[in-house]
Structures are given as structure tokens and as C-alpha cells.
Amino acid sequence: MIIFPNLVINDIMAITVRTFYPTAPDEMMINAFALGVADESEWRREYR
């Protein structure tokens, strides 16, 4: 999913929250974070 203009949430084999911002027409900076279930087991967290 893209939330305009620059938030991406990919809920796929894991969940990533990603934002980005242009520093020039041909360059951008990206920040990405992993999101997980707060109470998941050690096993699920490892695979995530």
C-alpha cells in the first residue's frame, strides 16, 4: 500500500513501514522500519 505521498506499508512475508523524501530530482533518502505483532512468540518473531 502507498499512502500519498510517501508512506509505504508492505504487509507481505513480513511487514515493513517505509518513508522517503527527495533531496534532489535524482536522489532520495529512505527510512524503513519492521512492524510486528507485540505479543508474538519467539518462533514467529524469528521468522518475521
ModelCIF file with pLDDT and N, C-alpha, C, O atoms, coordinates in Angstrom:
data_MODEL
#
_entry.id   MODEL 
#
_entity.id                         1 
_entity.type                       polymer 
_entity.pdbx_number_of_molecules   1 
#
_entity_poly.entity_id                      1 
_entity_poly.type                           'polypeptide(L)' 
_entity_poly.nstd_linkage                   no 
_entity_poly.nstd_monomer                   no 
_entity_poly.pdbx_seq_one_letter_code       MIIFPNLVINDIMAITVRTFYPTAPDEMMINAFALGVADESEWRREYR 
_entity_poly.pdbx_seq_one_letter_code_can   MIIFPNLVINDIMAITVRTFYPTAPDEMMINAFALGVADESEWRREYR 
_entity_poly.pdbx_strand_id                 A 
#
loop_
_entity_poly_seq.entity_id 
_entity_poly_seq.num 
_entity_poly_seq.mon_id 
_entity_poly_seq.hetero 
1 1  MET n 
1 2  ILE n 
1 3  ILE n 
1 4  PHE n 
1 5  PRO n 
1 6  ASN n 
1 7  LEU n 
1 8  VAL n 
1 9  ILE n 
1 10 ASN n 
1 11 ASP n 
1 12 ILE n 
1 13 MET n 
1 14 ALA n 
1 15 ILE n 
1 16 THR n 
1 17 VAL n 
1 18 ARG n 
1 19 THR n 
1 20 PHE n 
1 21 TYR n 
1 22 PRO n 
1 23 THR n 
1 24 ALA n 
1 25 PRO n 
1 26 ASP n 
1 27 GLU n 
1 28 MET n 
1 29 MET n 
1 30 ILE n 
1 31 ASN n 
1 32 ALA n 
1 33 PHE n 
1 34 ALA n 
1 35 LEU n 
1 36 GLY n 
1 37 VAL n 
1 38 ALA n 
1 39 ASP n 
1 40 GLU n 
1 41 SER n 
1 42 GLU n 
1 43 TRP n 
1 44 ARG n 
1 45 ARG n 
1 46 GLU n 
1 47 TYR n 
1 48 ARG n 
#
_struct_asym.id          A 
_struct_asym.entity_id   1 
#
loop_
_ma_qa_metric.id 
_ma_qa_metric.mode 
_ma_qa_metric.name 
_ma_qa_metric.software_group_id 
_ma_qa_metric.type 
1 global pLDDT . pLDDT 
2 local  pLDDT . pLDDT 
#
_ma_qa_metric_global.metric_id      1 
_ma_qa_metric_global.metric_value   93.83 
_ma_qa_metric_global.model_id       1 
_ma_qa_metric_global.ordinal_id     1 
#
loop_
_ma_qa_metric_local.label_asym_id 
_ma_qa_metric_local.label_comp_id 
_ma_qa_metric_local.label_seq_id 
_ma_qa_metric_local.metric_id 
_ma_qa_metric_local.metric_value 
_ma_qa_metric_local.model_id 
_ma_qa_metric_local.ordinal_id 
A MET 1  2 98.00 1 1  
A ILE 2  2 98.00 1 2  
A ILE 3  2 98.00 1 3  
A PHE 4  2 98.00 1 4  
A PRO 5  2 98.00 1 5  
A ASN 6  2 97.00 1 6  
A LEU 7  2 98.00 1 7  
A VAL 8  2 97.00 1 8  
A ILE 9  2 97.00 1 9  
A ASN 10 2 95.00 1 10 
A ASP 11 2 95.00 1 11 
A ILE 12 2 92.00 1 12 
A MET 13 2 87.00 1 13 
A ALA 14 2 89.00 1 14 
A ILE 15 2 93.00 1 15 
A THR 16 2 93.00 1 16 
A VAL 17 2 96.00 1 17 
A ARG 18 2 95.00 1 18 
A THR 19 2 97.00 1 19 
A PHE 20 2 96.00 1 20 
A TYR 21 2 97.00 1 21 
A PRO 22 2 97.00 1 22 
A THR 23 2 96.00 1 23 
A ALA 24 2 97.00 1 24 
A PRO 25 2 97.00 1 25 
A ASP 26 2 97.00 1 26 
A GLU 27 2 97.00 1 27 
A MET 28 2 97.00 1 28 
A MET 29 2 96.00 1 29 
A ILE 30 2 95.00 1 30 
A ASN 31 2 93.00 1 31 
A ALA 32 2 92.00 1 32 
A PHE 33 2 92.00 1 33 
A ALA 34 2 92.00 1 34 
A LEU 35 2 94.00 1 35 
A GLY 36 2 93.00 1 36 
A VAL 37 2 94.00 1 37 
A ALA 38 2 94.00 1 38 
A ASP 39 2 92.00 1 39 
A GLU 40 2 91.00 1 40 
A SER 41 2 91.00 1 41 
A GLU 42 2 90.00 1 42 
A TRP 43 2 89.00 1 43 
A ARG 44 2 90.00 1 44 
A ARG 45 2 89.00 1 45 
A GLU 46 2 86.00 1 46 
A TYR 47 2 83.00 1 47 
A ARG 48 2 86.00 1 48 
#
loop_
_atom_site.group_PDB 
_atom_site.id 
_atom_site.type_symbol 
_atom_site.label_atom_id 
_atom_site.label_alt_id 
_atom_site.label_comp_id 
_atom_site.label_asym_id 
_atom_site.label_entity_id 
_atom_site.label_seq_id 
_atom_site.pdbx_PDB_ins_code 
_atom_site.Cartn_x 
_atom_site.Cartn_y 
_atom_site.Cartn_z 
_atom_site.occupancy 
_atom_site.B_iso_or_equiv 
_atom_site.pdbx_formal_charge 
_atom_site.auth_seq_id 
_atom_site.auth_comp_id 
_atom_site.auth_asym_id 
_atom_site.auth_atom_id 
_atom_site.pdbx_PDB_model_num 
ATOM 1   N N  . MET A 1 1  ? 0.826  -1.207  0.000  1.00 98.00 ? 1  MET A N  1 
ATOM 2   C CA . MET A 1 1  ? 0.000  0.000   0.000  1.00 98.00 ? 1  MET A CA 1 
ATOM 3   C C  . MET A 1 1  ? 0.857  1.252   0.000  1.00 98.00 ? 1  MET A C  1 
ATOM 4   O O  . MET A 1 1  ? 1.871  1.322   0.694  1.00 98.00 ? 1  MET A O  1 
ATOM 5   N N  . ILE A 1 2  ? 0.445  2.239   -0.782 1.00 98.00 ? 2  ILE A N  1 
ATOM 6   C CA . ILE A 1 2  ? 1.027  3.575   -0.746 1.00 98.00 ? 2  ILE A CA 1 
ATOM 7   C C  . ILE A 1 2  ? -0.011 4.526   -0.171 1.00 98.00 ? 2  ILE A C  1 
ATOM 8   O O  . ILE A 1 2  ? -1.150 4.561   -0.636 1.00 98.00 ? 2  ILE A O  1 
ATOM 9   N N  . ILE A 1 3  ? 0.373  5.289   0.826  1.00 98.00 ? 3  ILE A N  1 
ATOM 10  C CA . ILE A 1 3  ? -0.430 6.392   1.336  1.00 98.00 ? 3  ILE A CA 1 
ATOM 11  C C  . ILE A 1 3  ? 0.250  7.673   0.874  1.00 98.00 ? 3  ILE A C  1 
ATOM 12  O O  . ILE A 1 3  ? 1.373  7.982   1.272  1.00 98.00 ? 3  ILE A O  1 
ATOM 13  N N  . PHE A 1 4  ? -0.454 8.402   0.031  1.00 98.00 ? 4  PHE A N  1 
ATOM 14  C CA . PHE A 1 4  ? 0.099  9.571   -0.630 1.00 98.00 ? 4  PHE A CA 1 
ATOM 15  C C  . PHE A 1 4  ? 0.594  10.600  0.407  1.00 98.00 ? 4  PHE A C  1 
ATOM 16  O O  . PHE A 1 4  ? -0.114 10.875  1.376  1.00 98.00 ? 4  PHE A O  1 
ATOM 17  N N  . PRO A 1 5  ? 1.787  11.166  0.219  1.00 98.00 ? 5  PRO A N  1 
ATOM 18  C CA . PRO A 1 5  ? 2.664  10.957  -0.935 1.00 98.00 ? 5  PRO A CA 1 
ATOM 19  C C  . PRO A 1 5  ? 3.752  9.916   -0.763 1.00 98.00 ? 5  PRO A C  1 
ATOM 20  O O  . PRO A 1 5  ? 4.238  9.380   -1.759 1.00 98.00 ? 5  PRO A O  1 
ATOM 21  N N  . ASN A 1 6  ? 4.165  9.602   0.494  1.00 97.00 ? 6  ASN A N  1 
ATOM 22  C CA . ASN A 1 6  ? 5.429  8.883   0.638  1.00 97.00 ? 6  ASN A CA 1 
ATOM 23  C C  . ASN A 1 6  ? 5.457  7.871   1.770  1.00 97.00 ? 6  ASN A C  1 
ATOM 24  O O  . ASN A 1 6  ? 6.527  7.607   2.319  1.00 97.00 ? 6  ASN A O  1 
ATOM 25  N N  . LEU A 1 7  ? 4.324  7.297   2.137  1.00 98.00 ? 7  LEU A N  1 
ATOM 26  C CA . LEU A 1 7  ? 4.306  6.218   3.119  1.00 98.00 ? 7  LEU A CA 1 
ATOM 27  C C  . LEU A 1 7  ? 3.955  4.920   2.412  1.00 98.00 ? 7  LEU A C  1 
ATOM 28  O O  . LEU A 1 7  ? 2.932  4.829   1.733  1.00 98.00 ? 7  LEU A O  1 
ATOM 29  N N  . VAL A 1 8  ? 4.799  3.925   2.573  1.00 97.00 ? 8  VAL A N  1 
ATOM 30  C CA . VAL A 1 8  ? 4.553  2.594   2.036  1.00 97.00 ? 8  VAL A CA 1 
ATOM 31  C C  . VAL A 1 8  ? 4.454  1.615   3.191  1.00 97.00 ? 8  VAL A C  1 
ATOM 32  O O  . VAL A 1 8  ? 5.314  1.595   4.071  1.00 97.00 ? 8  VAL A O  1 
ATOM 33  N N  . ILE A 1 9  ? 3.411  0.808   3.190  1.00 97.00 ? 9  ILE A N  1 
ATOM 34  C CA . ILE A 1 9  ? 3.281  -0.287  4.140  1.00 97.00 ? 9  ILE A CA 1 
ATOM 35  C C  . ILE A 1 9  ? 3.136  -1.568  3.331  1.00 97.00 ? 9  ILE A C  1 
ATOM 36  O O  . ILE A 1 9  ? 2.152  -1.754  2.614  1.00 97.00 ? 9  ILE A O  1 
ATOM 37  N N  . ASN A 1 10 ? 4.116  -2.439  3.452  1.00 95.00 ? 10 ASN A N  1 
ATOM 38  C CA . ASN A 1 10 ? 4.092  -3.731  2.782  1.00 95.00 ? 10 ASN A CA 1 
ATOM 39  C C  . ASN A 1 10 ? 3.850  -4.811  3.821  1.00 95.00 ? 10 ASN A C  1 
ATOM 40  O O  . ASN A 1 10 ? 4.729  -5.113  4.629  1.00 95.00 ? 10 ASN A O  1 
ATOM 41  N N  . ASP A 1 11 ? 2.673  -5.385  3.799  1.00 95.00 ? 11 ASP A N  1 
ATOM 42  C CA . ASP A 1 11 ? 2.299  -6.478  4.690  1.00 95.00 ? 11 ASP A CA 1 
ATOM 43  C C  . ASP A 1 11 ? 2.381  -7.756  3.863  1.00 95.00 ? 11 ASP A C  1 
ATOM 44  O O  . ASP A 1 11 ? 1.383  -8.226  3.315  1.00 95.00 ? 11 ASP A O  1 
ATOM 45  N N  . ILE A 1 12 ? 3.604  -8.315  3.783  1.00 92.00 ? 12 ILE A N  1 
ATOM 46  C CA . ILE A 1 12 ? 3.844  -9.453  2.899  1.00 92.00 ? 12 ILE A CA 1 
ATOM 47  C C  . ILE A 1 12 ? 4.420  -10.614 3.723  1.00 92.00 ? 12 ILE A C  1 
ATOM 48  O O  . ILE A 1 12 ? 3.762  -11.061 4.662  1.00 92.00 ? 12 ILE A O  1 
ATOM 49  N N  . MET A 1 13 ? 5.610  -11.113 3.414  1.00 87.00 ? 13 MET A N  1 
ATOM 50  C CA . MET A 1 13 ? 6.180  -12.164 4.267  1.00 87.00 ? 13 MET A CA 1 
ATOM 51  C C  . MET A 1 13 ? 6.679  -11.599 5.599  1.00 87.00 ? 13 MET A C  1 
ATOM 52  O O  . MET A 1 13 ? 6.972  -12.349 6.530  1.00 87.00 ? 13 MET A O  1 
ATOM 53  N N  . ALA A 1 14 ? 6.768  -10.305 5.674  1.00 89.00 ? 14 ALA A N  1 
ATOM 54  C CA . ALA A 1 14 ? 6.954  -9.544  6.899  1.00 89.00 ? 14 ALA A CA 1 
ATOM 55  C C  . ALA A 1 14 ? 6.283  -8.198  6.657  1.00 89.00 ? 14 ALA A C  1 
ATOM 56  O O  . ALA A 1 14 ? 5.773  -7.949  5.565  1.00 89.00 ? 14 ALA A O  1 
ATOM 57  N N  . ILE A 1 15 ? 6.278  -7.335  7.658  1.00 93.00 ? 15 ILE A N  1 
ATOM 58  C CA . ILE A 1 15 ? 5.658  -6.025  7.497  1.00 93.00 ? 15 ILE A CA 1 
ATOM 59  C C  . ILE A 1 15 ? 6.741  -4.960  7.560  1.00 93.00 ? 15 ILE A C  1 
ATOM 60  O O  . ILE A 1 15 ? 7.510  -4.896  8.519  1.00 93.00 ? 15 ILE A O  1 
ATOM 61  N N  . THR A 1 16 ? 6.793  -4.131  6.534  1.00 93.00 ? 16 THR A N  1 
ATOM 62  C CA . THR A 1 16 ? 7.704  -3.001  6.545  1.00 93.00 ? 16 THR A CA 1 
ATOM 63  C C  . THR A 1 16 ? 6.924  -1.707  6.443  1.00 93.00 ? 16 THR A C  1 
ATOM 64  O O  . THR A 1 16 ? 5.936  -1.619  5.713  1.00 93.00 ? 16 THR A O  1 
ATOM 65  N N  . VAL A 1 17 ? 7.372  -0.709  7.175  1.00 96.00 ? 17 VAL A N  1 
ATOM 66  C CA . VAL A 1 17 ? 6.847  0.649   7.105  1.00 96.00 ? 17 VAL A CA 1 
ATOM 67  C C  . VAL A 1 17 ? 7.979  1.499   6.554  1.00 96.00 ? 17 VAL A C  1 
ATOM 68  O O  . VAL A 1 17 ? 9.048  1.574   7.160  1.00 96.00 ? 17 VAL A O  1 
ATOM 69  N N  . ARG A 1 18 ? 7.756  2.138   5.415  1.00 95.00 ? 18 ARG A N  1 
ATOM 70  C CA . ARG A 1 18 ? 8.853  2.818   4.705  1.00 95.00 ? 18 ARG A CA 1 
ATOM 71  C C  . ARG A 1 18 ? 8.411  4.223   4.298  1.00 95.00 ? 18 ARG A C  1 
ATOM 72  O O  . ARG A 1 18 ? 7.337  4.409   3.727  1.00 95.00 ? 18 ARG A O  1 
ATOM 73  N N  . THR A 1 19 ? 9.251  5.199   4.599  1.00 97.00 ? 19 THR A N  1 
ATOM 74  C CA . THR A 1 19 ? 9.036  6.557   4.122  1.00 97.00 ? 19 THR A CA 1 
ATOM 75  C C  . THR A 1 19 ? 10.274 7.020   3.371  1.00 97.00 ? 19 THR A C  1 
ATOM 76  O O  . THR A 1 19 ? 11.370 6.495   3.567  1.00 97.00 ? 19 THR A O  1 
ATOM 77  N N  . PHE A 1 20 ? 10.085 8.002   2.518  1.00 96.00 ? 20 PHE A N  1 
ATOM 78  C CA . PHE A 1 20 ? 11.201 8.508   1.725  1.00 96.00 ? 20 PHE A CA 1 
ATOM 79  C C  . PHE A 1 20 ? 10.923 9.952   1.340  1.00 96.00 ? 20 PHE A C  1 
ATOM 80  O O  . PHE A 1 20 ? 9.778  10.399  1.272  1.00 96.00 ? 20 PHE A O  1 
ATOM 81  N N  . TYR A 1 21 ? 12.023 10.668  1.090  1.00 97.00 ? 21 TYR A N  1 
ATOM 82  C CA . TYR A 1 21 ? 11.907 12.089  0.798  1.00 97.00 ? 21 TYR A CA 1 
ATOM 83  C C  . TYR A 1 21 ? 12.997 12.488  -0.179 1.00 97.00 ? 21 TYR A C  1 
ATOM 84  O O  . TYR A 1 21 ? 14.152 12.097  -0.011 1.00 97.00 ? 21 TYR A O  1 
ATOM 85  N N  . PRO A 1 22 ? 12.643 13.269  -1.206 1.00 97.00 ? 22 PRO A N  1 
ATOM 86  C CA . PRO A 1 22 ? 13.659 13.648  -2.191 1.00 97.00 ? 22 PRO A CA 1 
ATOM 87  C C  . PRO A 1 22 ? 14.617 14.694  -1.651 1.00 97.00 ? 22 PRO A C  1 
ATOM 88  O O  . PRO A 1 22 ? 14.196 15.661  -1.016 1.00 97.00 ? 22 PRO A O  1 
ATOM 89  N N  . THR A 1 23 ? 15.882 14.506  -1.896 1.00 96.00 ? 23 THR A N  1 
ATOM 90  C CA . THR A 1 23 ? 16.891 15.515  -1.596 1.00 96.00 ? 23 THR A CA 1 
ATOM 91  C C  . THR A 1 23 ? 17.351 16.237  -2.856 1.00 96.00 ? 23 THR A C  1 
ATOM 92  O O  . THR A 1 23 ? 18.010 17.274  -2.785 1.00 96.00 ? 23 THR A O  1 
ATOM 93  N N  . ALA A 1 24 ? 16.995 15.677  -4.012 1.00 97.00 ? 24 ALA A N  1 
ATOM 94  C CA . ALA A 1 24 ? 17.283 16.263  -5.322 1.00 97.00 ? 24 ALA A CA 1 
ATOM 95  C C  . ALA A 1 24 ? 16.369 15.555  -6.318 1.00 97.00 ? 24 ALA A C  1 
ATOM 96  O O  . ALA A 1 24 ? 15.777 14.530  -5.978 1.00 97.00 ? 24 ALA A O  1 
ATOM 97  N N  . PRO A 1 25 ? 16.239 16.074  -7.537 1.00 97.00 ? 25 PRO A N  1 
ATOM 98  C CA . PRO A 1 25 ? 15.395 15.371  -8.507 1.00 97.00 ? 25 PRO A CA 1 
ATOM 99  C C  . PRO A 1 25 ? 15.806 13.924  -8.724 1.00 97.00 ? 25 PRO A C  1 
ATOM 100 O O  . PRO A 1 25 ? 14.965 13.087  -9.050 1.00 97.00 ? 25 PRO A O  1 
ATOM 101 N N  . ASP A 1 26 ? 17.088 13.615  -8.547 1.00 97.00 ? 26 ASP A N  1 
ATOM 102 C CA . ASP A 1 26 ? 17.584 12.274  -8.814 1.00 97.00 ? 26 ASP A CA 1 
ATOM 103 C C  . ASP A 1 26 ? 18.120 11.574  -7.570 1.00 97.00 ? 26 ASP A C  1 
ATOM 104 O O  . ASP A 1 26 ? 18.980 10.699  -7.680 1.00 97.00 ? 26 ASP A O  1 
ATOM 105 N N  . GLU A 1 27 ? 17.633 11.939  -6.403 1.00 97.00 ? 27 GLU A N  1 
ATOM 106 C CA . GLU A 1 27 ? 18.095 11.289  -5.182 1.00 97.00 ? 27 GLU A CA 1 
ATOM 107 C C  . GLU A 1 27 ? 17.024 11.358  -4.109 1.00 97.00 ? 27 GLU A C  1 
ATOM 108 O O  . GLU A 1 27 ? 16.289 12.341  -4.016 1.00 97.00 ? 27 GLU A O  1 
ATOM 109 N N  . MET A 1 28 ? 16.936 10.299  -3.289 1.00 97.00 ? 28 MET A N  1 
ATOM 110 C CA . MET A 1 28 ? 16.010 10.286  -2.160 1.00 97.00 ? 28 MET A CA 1 
ATOM 111 C C  . MET A 1 28 ? 16.659 9.585   -0.971 1.00 97.00 ? 28 MET A C  1 
ATOM 112 O O  . MET A 1 28 ? 17.560 8.761   -1.133 1.00 97.00 ? 28 MET A O  1 
ATOM 113 N N  . MET A 1 29 ? 16.190 9.926   0.216  1.00 96.00 ? 29 MET A N  1 
ATOM 114 C CA . MET A 1 29 ? 16.576 9.252   1.445  1.00 96.00 ? 29 MET A CA 1 
ATOM 115 C C  . MET A 1 29 ? 15.413 8.389   1.919  1.00 96.00 ? 29 MET A C  1 
ATOM 116 O O  . MET A 1 29 ? 14.259 8.816   1.877  1.00 96.00 ? 29 MET A O  1 
ATOM 117 N N  . ILE A 1 30 ? 15.719 7.179   2.367  1.00 95.00 ? 30 ILE A N  1 
ATOM 118 C CA . ILE A 1 30 ? 14.691 6.224   2.778  1.00 95.00 ? 30 ILE A CA 1 
ATOM 119 C C  . ILE A 1 30 ? 14.896 5.859   4.235  1.00 95.00 ? 30 ILE A C  1 
ATOM 120 O O  . ILE A 1 30 ? 16.024 5.654   4.681  1.00 95.00 ? 30 ILE A O  1 
ATOM 121 N N  . ASN A 1 31 ? 13.784 5.779   4.983  1.00 93.00 ? 31 ASN A N  1 
ATOM 122 C CA . ASN A 1 31 ? 13.760 5.231   6.327  1.00 93.00 ? 31 ASN A CA 1 
ATOM 123 C C  . ASN A 1 31 ? 12.779 4.068   6.341  1.00 93.00 ? 31 ASN A C  1 
ATOM 124 O O  . ASN A 1 31 ? 11.626 4.224   5.940  1.00 93.00 ? 31 ASN A O  1 
ATOM 125 N N  . ALA A 1 32 ? 13.223 2.914   6.795  1.00 92.00 ? 32 ALA A N  1 
ATOM 126 C CA . ALA A 1 32 ? 12.364 1.737   6.818  1.00 92.00 ? 32 ALA A CA 1 
ATOM 127 C C  . ALA A 1 32 ? 12.381 1.102   8.200  1.00 92.00 ? 32 ALA A C  1 
ATOM 128 O O  . ALA A 1 32 ? 13.410 1.066   8.874  1.00 92.00 ? 32 ALA A O  1 
ATOM 129 N N  . PHE A 1 33 ? 11.219 0.602   8.606  1.00 92.00 ? 33 PHE A N  1 
ATOM 130 C CA . PHE A 1 33 ? 11.050 0.017   9.931  1.00 92.00 ? 33 PHE A CA 1 
ATOM 131 C C  . PHE A 1 33 ? 10.318 -1.321  9.794  1.00 92.00 ? 33 PHE A C  1 
ATOM 132 O O  . PHE A 1 33 ? 9.451  -1.470  8.933  1.00 92.00 ? 33 PHE A O  1 
ATOM 133 N N  . ALA A 1 34 ? 10.661 -2.276  10.626 1.00 92.00 ? 34 ALA A N  1 
ATOM 134 C CA . ALA A 1 34 ? 9.943  -3.541  10.692 1.00 92.00 ? 34 ALA A CA 1 
ATOM 135 C C  . ALA A 1 34 ? 8.831  -3.419  11.728 1.00 92.00 ? 34 ALA A C  1 
ATOM 136 O O  . ALA A 1 34 ? 9.041  -2.881  12.815 1.00 92.00 ? 34 ALA A O  1 
ATOM 137 N N  . LEU A 1 35 ? 7.654  -3.917  11.386 1.00 94.00 ? 35 LEU A N  1 
ATOM 138 C CA . LEU A 1 35 ? 6.499  -3.894  12.274 1.00 94.00 ? 35 LEU A CA 1 
ATOM 139 C C  . LEU A 1 35 ? 6.096  -5.331  12.564 1.00 94.00 ? 35 LEU A C  1 
ATOM 140 O O  . LEU A 1 35 ? 6.054  -6.163  11.658 1.00 94.00 ? 35 LEU A O  1 
ATOM 141 N N  . GLY A 1 36 ? 5.802  -5.621  13.819 1.00 93.00 ? 36 GLY A N  1 
ATOM 142 C CA . GLY A 1 36 ? 5.417  -6.974  14.194 1.00 93.00 ? 36 GLY A CA 1 
ATOM 143 C C  . GLY A 1 36 ? 4.326  -6.995  15.235 1.00 93.00 ? 36 GLY A C  1 
ATOM 144 O O  . GLY A 1 36 ? 4.001  -5.969  15.833 1.00 93.00 ? 36 GLY A O  1 
ATOM 145 N N  . VAL A 1 37 ? 3.760  -8.176  15.449 1.00 94.00 ? 37 VAL A N  1 
ATOM 146 C CA . VAL A 1 37 ? 2.746  -8.376  16.481 1.00 94.00 ? 37 VAL A CA 1 
ATOM 147 C C  . VAL A 1 37 ? 3.412  -8.289  17.851 1.00 94.00 ? 37 VAL A C  1 
ATOM 148 O O  . VAL A 1 37 ? 4.421  -8.949  18.097 1.00 94.00 ? 37 VAL A O  1 
ATOM 149 N N  . ALA A 1 38 ? 2.851  -7.480  18.737 1.00 94.00 ? 38 ALA A N  1 
ATOM 150 C CA . ALA A 1 38 ? 3.508  -7.185  20.008 1.00 94.00 ? 38 ALA A CA 1 
ATOM 151 C C  . ALA A 1 38 ? 3.682  -8.418  20.892 1.00 94.00 ? 38 ALA A C  1 
ATOM 152 O O  . ALA A 1 38 ? 4.676  -8.518  21.611 1.00 94.00 ? 38 ALA A O  1 
ATOM 153 N N  . ASP A 1 39 ? 2.748  -9.349  20.854 1.00 92.00 ? 39 ASP A N  1 
ATOM 154 C CA . ASP A 1 39 ? 2.804  -10.494 21.763 1.00 92.00 ? 39 ASP A CA 1 
ATOM 155 C C  . ASP A 1 39 ? 3.146  -11.800 21.053 1.00 92.00 ? 39 ASP A C  1 
ATOM 156 O O  . ASP A 1 39 ? 2.860  -12.874 21.583 1.00 92.00 ? 39 ASP A O  1 
ATOM 157 N N  . GLU A 1 40 ? 3.754  -11.735 19.862 1.00 91.00 ? 40 GLU A N  1 
ATOM 158 C CA . GLU A 1 40 ? 4.018  -12.977 19.151 1.00 91.00 ? 40 GLU A CA 1 
ATOM 159 C C  . GLU A 1 40 ? 5.140  -13.762 19.818 1.00 91.00 ? 40 GLU A C  1 
ATOM 160 O O  . GLU A 1 40 ? 5.973  -13.202 20.529 1.00 91.00 ? 40 GLU A O  1 
ATOM 161 N N  . SER A 1 41 ? 5.144  -15.055 19.578 1.00 91.00 ? 41 SER A N  1 
ATOM 162 C CA . SER A 1 41 ? 6.127  -15.942 20.182 1.00 91.00 ? 41 SER A CA 1 
ATOM 163 C C  . SER A 1 41 ? 7.521  -15.685 19.626 1.00 91.00 ? 41 SER A C  1 
ATOM 164 O O  . SER A 1 41 ? 7.697  -15.023 18.603 1.00 91.00 ? 41 SER A O  1 
ATOM 165 N N  . GLU A 1 42 ? 8.496  -16.228 20.330 1.00 90.00 ? 42 GLU A N  1 
ATOM 166 C CA . GLU A 1 42 ? 9.879  -16.099 19.867 1.00 90.00 ? 42 GLU A CA 1 
ATOM 167 C C  . GLU A 1 42 ? 10.044 -16.724 18.487 1.00 90.00 ? 42 GLU A C  1 
ATOM 168 O O  . GLU A 1 42 ? 10.780 -16.206 17.647 1.00 90.00 ? 42 GLU A O  1 
ATOM 169 N N  . TRP A 1 43 ? 9.359  -17.835 18.262 1.00 89.00 ? 43 TRP A N  1 
ATOM 170 C CA . TRP A 1 43 ? 9.432  -18.516 16.969 1.00 89.00 ? 43 TRP A CA 1 
ATOM 171 C C  . TRP A 1 43 ? 8.884  -17.642 15.848 1.00 89.00 ? 43 TRP A C  1 
ATOM 172 O O  . TRP A 1 43 ? 9.529  -17.509 14.808 1.00 89.00 ? 43 TRP A O  1 
ATOM 173 N N  . ARG A 1 44 ? 7.715  -17.047 16.031 1.00 90.00 ? 44 ARG A N  1 
ATOM 174 C CA . ARG A 1 44 ? 7.133  -16.192 14.991 1.00 90.00 ? 44 ARG A CA 1 
ATOM 175 C C  . ARG A 1 44 ? 7.984  -14.956 14.752 1.00 90.00 ? 44 ARG A C  1 
ATOM 176 O O  . ARG A 1 44 ? 8.151  -14.540 13.605 1.00 90.00 ? 44 ARG A O  1 
ATOM 177 N N  . ARG A 1 45 ? 8.522  -14.363 15.805 1.00 89.00 ? 45 ARG A N  1 
ATOM 178 C CA . ARG A 1 45 ? 9.357  -13.180 15.658 1.00 89.00 ? 45 ARG A CA 1 
ATOM 179 C C  . ARG A 1 45 ? 10.635 -13.508 14.881 1.00 89.00 ? 45 ARG A C  1 
ATOM 180 O O  . ARG A 1 45 ? 11.091 -12.713 14.059 1.00 89.00 ? 45 ARG A O  1 
ATOM 181 N N  . GLU A 1 46 ? 11.204 -14.683 15.147 1.00 86.00 ? 46 GLU A N  1 
ATOM 182 C CA . GLU A 1 46 ? 12.412 -15.086 14.435 1.00 86.00 ? 46 GLU A CA 1 
ATOM 183 C C  . GLU A 1 46 ? 12.157 -15.169 12.935 1.00 86.00 ? 46 GLU A C  1 
ATOM 184 O O  . GLU A 1 46 ? 12.938 -14.643 12.142 1.00 86.00 ? 46 GLU A O  1 
ATOM 185 N N  . TYR A 1 47 ? 11.068 -15.826 12.542 1.00 83.00 ? 47 TYR A N  1 
ATOM 186 C CA . TYR A 1 47 ? 10.776 -15.961 11.124 1.00 83.00 ? 47 TYR A CA 1 
ATOM 187 C C  . TYR A 1 47 ? 10.363 -14.634 10.494 1.00 83.00 ? 47 TYR A C  1 
ATOM 188 O O  . TYR A 1 47 ? 10.666 -14.373 9.330  1.00 83.00 ? 47 TYR A O  1 
ATOM 189 N N  . ARG A 1 48 ? 9.675  -13.802 11.263 1.00 86.00 ? 48 ARG A N  1 
ATOM 190 C CA . ARG A 1 48 ? 9.292  -12.486 10.744 1.00 86.00 ? 48 ARG A CA 1 
ATOM 191 C C  . ARG A 1 48 ? 10.538 -11.666 10.399 1.00 86.00 ? 48 ARG A C  1 
ATOM 192 O O  . ARG A 1 48 ? 10.422 -10.527 9.947  1.00 86.00 ? 48 ARG A O  1 
#
